[in-house]
């Protein structure tokens, strides 16, 4: 198996486990862990959530976002939280597309 194919297999396995965990947490009402200060500041600095829609951002950058986890955490800024959650939702939809 090529290195690229092996990485794809591992990434898909990680995504499946993560999806199951998110689904289980949603059913049981487990709250997301709060983002630590470093993750919060990085999210505010790196993501253009006030200037670019989540859809536009995913359209431009989805191919390089294979292990996005920012939506696994909670953030005190509701605008940032909503944007990061939408990016995650769109990326999951995008990863389900064939030949991505």
N, C-alpha and C. Protein backbone atom coordinates (compact mmCIF):
# COMPACT_ATOMS: atom_id res chain seq x y z
N UNK A 1 0.84 -1.16 0.00
CA UNK A 1 0.00 0.00 0.00
C UNK A 1 0.90 1.24 0.00
N UNK A 2 0.58 2.19 -0.86
CA UNK A 2 1.38 3.41 -0.94
C UNK A 2 1.22 4.24 0.33
N UNK A 3 2.15 5.14 0.55
CA UNK A 3 2.09 6.00 1.74
C UNK A 3 0.85 6.89 1.69
N UNK A 4 0.53 7.39 0.51
CA UNK A 4 -0.64 8.26 0.37
C UNK A 4 -1.91 7.47 0.68
N UNK A 5 -2.00 6.27 0.13
CA UNK A 5 -3.18 5.43 0.38
C UNK A 5 -3.27 5.07 1.87
N UNK A 6 -2.16 4.77 2.48
CA UNK A 6 -2.15 4.44 3.90
C UNK A 6 -2.63 5.63 4.73
N UNK A 7 -2.19 6.82 4.39
CA UNK A 7 -2.64 8.02 5.09
C UNK A 7 -4.14 8.21 4.90
N UNK A 8 -4.64 7.98 3.70
CA UNK A 8 -6.08 8.08 3.45
C UNK A 8 -6.87 7.09 4.31
N UNK A 9 -6.37 5.87 4.41
CA UNK A 9 -7.04 4.84 5.21
C UNK A 9 -7.06 5.27 6.68
N UNK A 10 -5.93 5.72 7.19
CA UNK A 10 -5.86 6.14 8.59
C UNK A 10 -6.74 7.36 8.85
N UNK A 11 -6.74 8.31 7.94
CA UNK A 11 -7.57 9.51 8.09
C UNK A 11 -9.04 9.13 8.10
N UNK A 12 -9.45 8.26 7.20
CA UNK A 12 -10.85 7.84 7.15
C UNK A 12 -11.25 7.08 8.41
N UNK A 13 -10.35 6.29 8.94
CA UNK A 13 -10.63 5.56 10.18
C UNK A 13 -10.78 6.55 11.35
N UNK A 14 -9.89 7.54 11.42
CA UNK A 14 -9.98 8.57 12.45
C UNK A 14 -11.31 9.32 12.33
N UNK A 15 -11.69 9.69 11.11
CA UNK A 15 -12.95 10.41 10.90
C UNK A 15 -14.14 9.59 11.37
N UNK A 16 -14.14 8.31 11.07
CA UNK A 16 -15.25 7.43 11.47
C UNK A 16 -15.35 7.35 12.99
N UNK A 17 -14.22 7.17 13.67
CA UNK A 17 -14.22 7.11 15.14
C UNK A 17 -14.68 8.44 15.74
N UNK A 18 -14.22 9.52 15.17
CA UNK A 18 -14.60 10.85 15.65
C UNK A 18 -16.10 11.08 15.45
N UNK A 19 -16.64 10.67 14.32
CA UNK A 19 -18.07 10.83 14.05
C UNK A 19 -18.89 10.03 15.05
N UNK A 20 -18.48 8.82 15.36
CA UNK A 20 -19.19 8.00 16.34
C UNK A 20 -19.15 8.65 17.73
N UNK A 21 -18.00 9.18 18.10
CA UNK A 21 -17.88 9.84 19.40
C UNK A 21 -18.76 11.08 19.47
N UNK A 22 -18.76 11.88 18.41
CA UNK A 22 -19.59 13.09 18.39
C UNK A 22 -21.07 12.72 18.47
N UNK A 23 -21.45 11.68 17.76
CA UNK A 23 -22.84 11.23 17.77
C UNK A 23 -23.23 10.75 19.18
N UNK A 24 -22.38 9.96 19.80
CA UNK A 24 -22.65 9.46 21.15
C UNK A 24 -22.72 10.61 22.15
N UNK A 25 -21.81 11.55 22.05
CA UNK A 25 -21.81 12.70 22.95
C UNK A 25 -23.09 13.51 22.78
N UNK A 26 -23.54 13.66 21.53
CA UNK A 26 -24.78 14.39 21.27
C UNK A 26 -25.99 13.70 21.87
N UNK A 27 -26.02 12.38 21.80
CA UNK A 27 -27.16 11.63 22.37
C UNK A 27 -27.17 11.69 23.88
N UNK A 28 -26.01 11.65 24.49
CA UNK A 28 -25.94 11.60 25.95
C UNK A 28 -25.83 12.99 26.58
N UNK A 29 -25.70 14.01 25.76
CA UNK A 29 -25.64 15.37 26.29
C UNK A 29 -24.29 15.77 26.86
N UNK A 30 -23.25 15.07 26.49
CA UNK A 30 -21.91 15.41 26.98
C UNK A 30 -21.51 16.76 26.38
N UNK A 31 -21.14 17.67 27.24
CA UNK A 31 -20.74 19.01 26.79
C UNK A 31 -19.33 18.96 26.21
N UNK A 32 -19.11 19.83 25.26
CA UNK A 32 -17.77 19.94 24.69
C UNK A 32 -16.82 20.56 25.70
N UNK A 33 -15.59 20.14 25.62
CA UNK A 33 -14.54 20.71 26.47
C UNK A 33 -14.29 22.15 26.04
N UNK A 34 -14.13 23.07 26.99
CA UNK A 34 -13.82 24.45 26.61
C UNK A 34 -12.44 24.52 25.95
N UNK A 35 -12.35 25.35 24.94
CA UNK A 35 -11.06 25.57 24.29
C UNK A 35 -10.11 26.23 25.27
N UNK A 36 -8.88 25.75 25.30
CA UNK A 36 -7.91 26.41 26.17
C UNK A 36 -7.54 27.75 25.55
N UNK A 37 -6.84 28.57 26.31
CA UNK A 37 -6.54 29.93 25.86
C UNK A 37 -5.72 29.95 24.58
N UNK A 38 -4.81 29.00 24.42
CA UNK A 38 -3.99 28.95 23.20
C UNK A 38 -4.84 28.64 21.98
N UNK A 39 -5.73 27.65 22.08
CA UNK A 39 -6.60 27.29 20.96
C UNK A 39 -7.54 28.44 20.63
N UNK A 40 -8.09 29.08 21.65
CA UNK A 40 -8.99 30.21 21.44
C UNK A 40 -8.29 31.33 20.70
N UNK A 41 -7.11 31.71 21.16
CA UNK A 41 -6.38 32.79 20.50
C UNK A 41 -5.97 32.42 19.08
N UNK A 42 -5.57 31.17 18.86
CA UNK A 42 -5.21 30.72 17.51
C UNK A 42 -6.43 30.77 16.60
N UNK A 43 -7.58 30.33 17.08
CA UNK A 43 -8.80 30.37 16.26
C UNK A 43 -9.15 31.80 15.89
N UNK A 44 -9.07 32.69 16.85
CA UNK A 44 -9.37 34.10 16.57
C UNK A 44 -8.40 34.71 15.57
N UNK A 45 -7.15 34.32 15.66
CA UNK A 45 -6.10 34.89 14.82
C UNK A 45 -6.10 34.28 13.41
N UNK A 46 -6.32 32.98 13.31
CA UNK A 46 -6.14 32.28 12.04
C UNK A 46 -7.40 32.28 11.16
N UNK A 47 -8.56 32.15 11.76
CA UNK A 47 -9.78 32.02 10.97
C UNK A 47 -10.45 33.37 10.76
N UNK A 48 -10.78 33.71 9.51
CA UNK A 48 -11.39 35.01 9.21
C UNK A 48 -12.91 34.99 9.40
N UNK A 49 -13.37 34.61 10.58
CA UNK A 49 -14.79 34.38 10.83
C UNK A 49 -15.65 35.63 10.75
N UNK A 50 -15.04 36.79 10.84
CA UNK A 50 -15.82 38.03 10.73
C UNK A 50 -15.87 38.56 9.30
N UNK A 51 -14.99 38.07 8.45
CA UNK A 51 -14.88 38.62 7.09
C UNK A 51 -15.30 37.66 5.99
N UNK A 52 -15.24 36.36 6.25
CA UNK A 52 -15.50 35.35 5.22
C UNK A 52 -16.50 34.34 5.78
N UNK A 53 -17.46 33.97 4.96
CA UNK A 53 -18.43 32.97 5.43
C UNK A 53 -17.74 31.61 5.56
N UNK A 54 -18.32 30.78 6.39
CA UNK A 54 -17.79 29.42 6.56
C UNK A 54 -17.79 28.68 5.22
N UNK A 55 -18.84 28.86 4.44
CA UNK A 55 -18.93 28.17 3.14
C UNK A 55 -17.81 28.61 2.20
N UNK A 56 -17.55 29.90 2.16
CA UNK A 56 -16.46 30.40 1.31
C UNK A 56 -15.12 29.85 1.77
N UNK A 57 -14.92 29.84 3.07
CA UNK A 57 -13.65 29.36 3.61
C UNK A 57 -13.44 27.89 3.27
N UNK A 58 -14.46 27.09 3.45
CA UNK A 58 -14.36 25.65 3.14
C UNK A 58 -14.15 25.45 1.65
N UNK A 59 -14.83 26.21 0.84
CA UNK A 59 -14.65 26.09 -0.62
C UNK A 59 -13.19 26.33 -1.02
N UNK A 60 -12.54 27.27 -0.36
CA UNK A 60 -11.16 27.61 -0.69
C UNK A 60 -10.13 26.69 -0.04
N UNK A 61 -10.43 26.16 1.14
CA UNK A 61 -9.40 25.50 1.93
C UNK A 61 -9.68 24.05 2.33
N UNK A 62 -10.79 23.49 1.93
CA UNK A 62 -11.18 22.14 2.40
C UNK A 62 -10.12 21.08 2.13
N UNK A 63 -9.47 21.15 1.01
CA UNK A 63 -8.51 20.10 0.66
C UNK A 63 -7.34 20.03 1.64
N UNK A 64 -7.05 21.12 2.31
CA UNK A 64 -5.95 21.13 3.27
C UNK A 64 -6.39 20.99 4.72
N UNK A 65 -7.67 20.70 4.93
CA UNK A 65 -8.21 20.64 6.29
C UNK A 65 -8.69 19.23 6.63
N UNK A 66 -7.82 18.26 6.49
CA UNK A 66 -8.23 16.87 6.68
C UNK A 66 -8.45 16.47 8.13
N UNK A 67 -7.90 17.19 9.07
CA UNK A 67 -8.03 16.82 10.48
C UNK A 67 -8.51 18.00 11.31
N UNK A 68 -9.54 18.66 10.85
CA UNK A 68 -10.10 19.84 11.53
C UNK A 68 -10.78 19.40 12.83
N UNK A 69 -10.38 20.01 13.94
CA UNK A 69 -10.97 19.65 15.24
C UNK A 69 -11.44 20.86 16.04
N UNK A 70 -11.42 22.03 15.45
CA UNK A 70 -11.82 23.22 16.20
C UNK A 70 -13.27 23.13 16.68
N UNK A 71 -14.11 22.41 15.96
CA UNK A 71 -15.51 22.29 16.38
C UNK A 71 -15.72 21.24 17.46
N UNK A 72 -14.66 20.64 17.95
CA UNK A 72 -14.77 19.71 19.08
C UNK A 72 -14.78 20.45 20.42
N UNK A 73 -14.54 21.73 20.41
CA UNK A 73 -14.40 22.52 21.63
C UNK A 73 -15.46 23.61 21.69
N UNK A 74 -15.67 24.13 22.88
CA UNK A 74 -16.59 25.26 23.03
C UNK A 74 -15.79 26.54 23.22
N UNK A 75 -16.35 27.64 22.72
CA UNK A 75 -15.68 28.94 22.73
C UNK A 75 -16.61 29.98 23.35
N UNK A 76 -16.06 30.95 24.06
CA UNK A 76 -16.90 31.96 24.71
C UNK A 76 -17.51 32.97 23.73
N UNK A 77 -16.97 33.06 22.54
CA UNK A 77 -17.47 34.00 21.52
C UNK A 77 -18.50 33.27 20.66
N UNK A 78 -19.79 33.62 20.77
CA UNK A 78 -20.82 32.91 20.02
C UNK A 78 -20.64 33.00 18.50
N UNK A 79 -20.15 34.13 18.02
CA UNK A 79 -19.93 34.28 16.57
C UNK A 79 -18.84 33.32 16.08
N UNK A 80 -17.75 33.24 16.83
CA UNK A 80 -16.67 32.32 16.50
C UNK A 80 -17.16 30.87 16.59
N UNK A 81 -17.90 30.54 17.64
CA UNK A 81 -18.43 29.19 17.83
C UNK A 81 -19.30 28.77 16.65
N UNK A 82 -20.21 29.62 16.27
CA UNK A 82 -21.11 29.32 15.16
C UNK A 82 -20.33 29.10 13.87
N UNK A 83 -19.36 29.95 13.61
CA UNK A 83 -18.56 29.85 12.39
C UNK A 83 -17.75 28.55 12.38
N UNK A 84 -17.08 28.25 13.48
CA UNK A 84 -16.26 27.04 13.56
C UNK A 84 -17.12 25.78 13.44
N UNK A 85 -18.30 25.79 14.05
CA UNK A 85 -19.21 24.65 13.94
C UNK A 85 -19.67 24.45 12.50
N UNK A 86 -19.96 25.55 11.82
CA UNK A 86 -20.40 25.45 10.43
C UNK A 86 -19.26 24.96 9.53
N UNK A 87 -18.06 25.42 9.76
CA UNK A 87 -16.91 24.91 9.00
C UNK A 87 -16.81 23.40 9.18
N UNK A 88 -16.91 22.94 10.42
CA UNK A 88 -16.84 21.50 10.69
C UNK A 88 -17.94 20.74 9.98
N UNK A 89 -19.16 21.26 10.04
CA UNK A 89 -20.29 20.61 9.36
C UNK A 89 -20.04 20.51 7.86
N UNK A 90 -19.59 21.60 7.27
CA UNK A 90 -19.34 21.61 5.83
C UNK A 90 -18.18 20.69 5.45
N UNK A 91 -17.16 20.64 6.28
CA UNK A 91 -16.04 19.74 6.00
C UNK A 91 -16.48 18.28 6.06
N UNK A 92 -17.36 17.95 7.01
CA UNK A 92 -17.85 16.57 7.07
C UNK A 92 -18.67 16.24 5.83
N UNK A 93 -19.46 17.17 5.36
CA UNK A 93 -20.21 16.95 4.11
C UNK A 93 -19.25 16.78 2.94
N UNK A 94 -18.24 17.63 2.92
CA UNK A 94 -17.23 17.59 1.84
C UNK A 94 -16.47 16.28 1.84
N UNK A 95 -16.17 15.76 3.03
CA UNK A 95 -15.39 14.51 3.10
C UNK A 95 -16.21 13.31 2.65
N UNK A 96 -17.54 13.44 2.62
CA UNK A 96 -18.40 12.37 2.15
C UNK A 96 -18.52 12.33 0.64
N UNK A 97 -18.06 13.38 -0.03
CA UNK A 97 -18.14 13.44 -1.48
C UNK A 97 -17.13 12.48 -2.09
N UNK A 98 -17.50 11.79 -3.17
CA UNK A 98 -16.54 10.91 -3.83
C UNK A 98 -15.43 11.70 -4.50
N UNK A 99 -14.26 11.08 -4.57
CA UNK A 99 -13.10 11.67 -5.25
C UNK A 99 -12.78 13.06 -4.74
N UNK A 100 -12.74 13.19 -3.46
CA UNK A 100 -12.46 14.51 -2.91
C UNK A 100 -11.03 14.90 -3.10
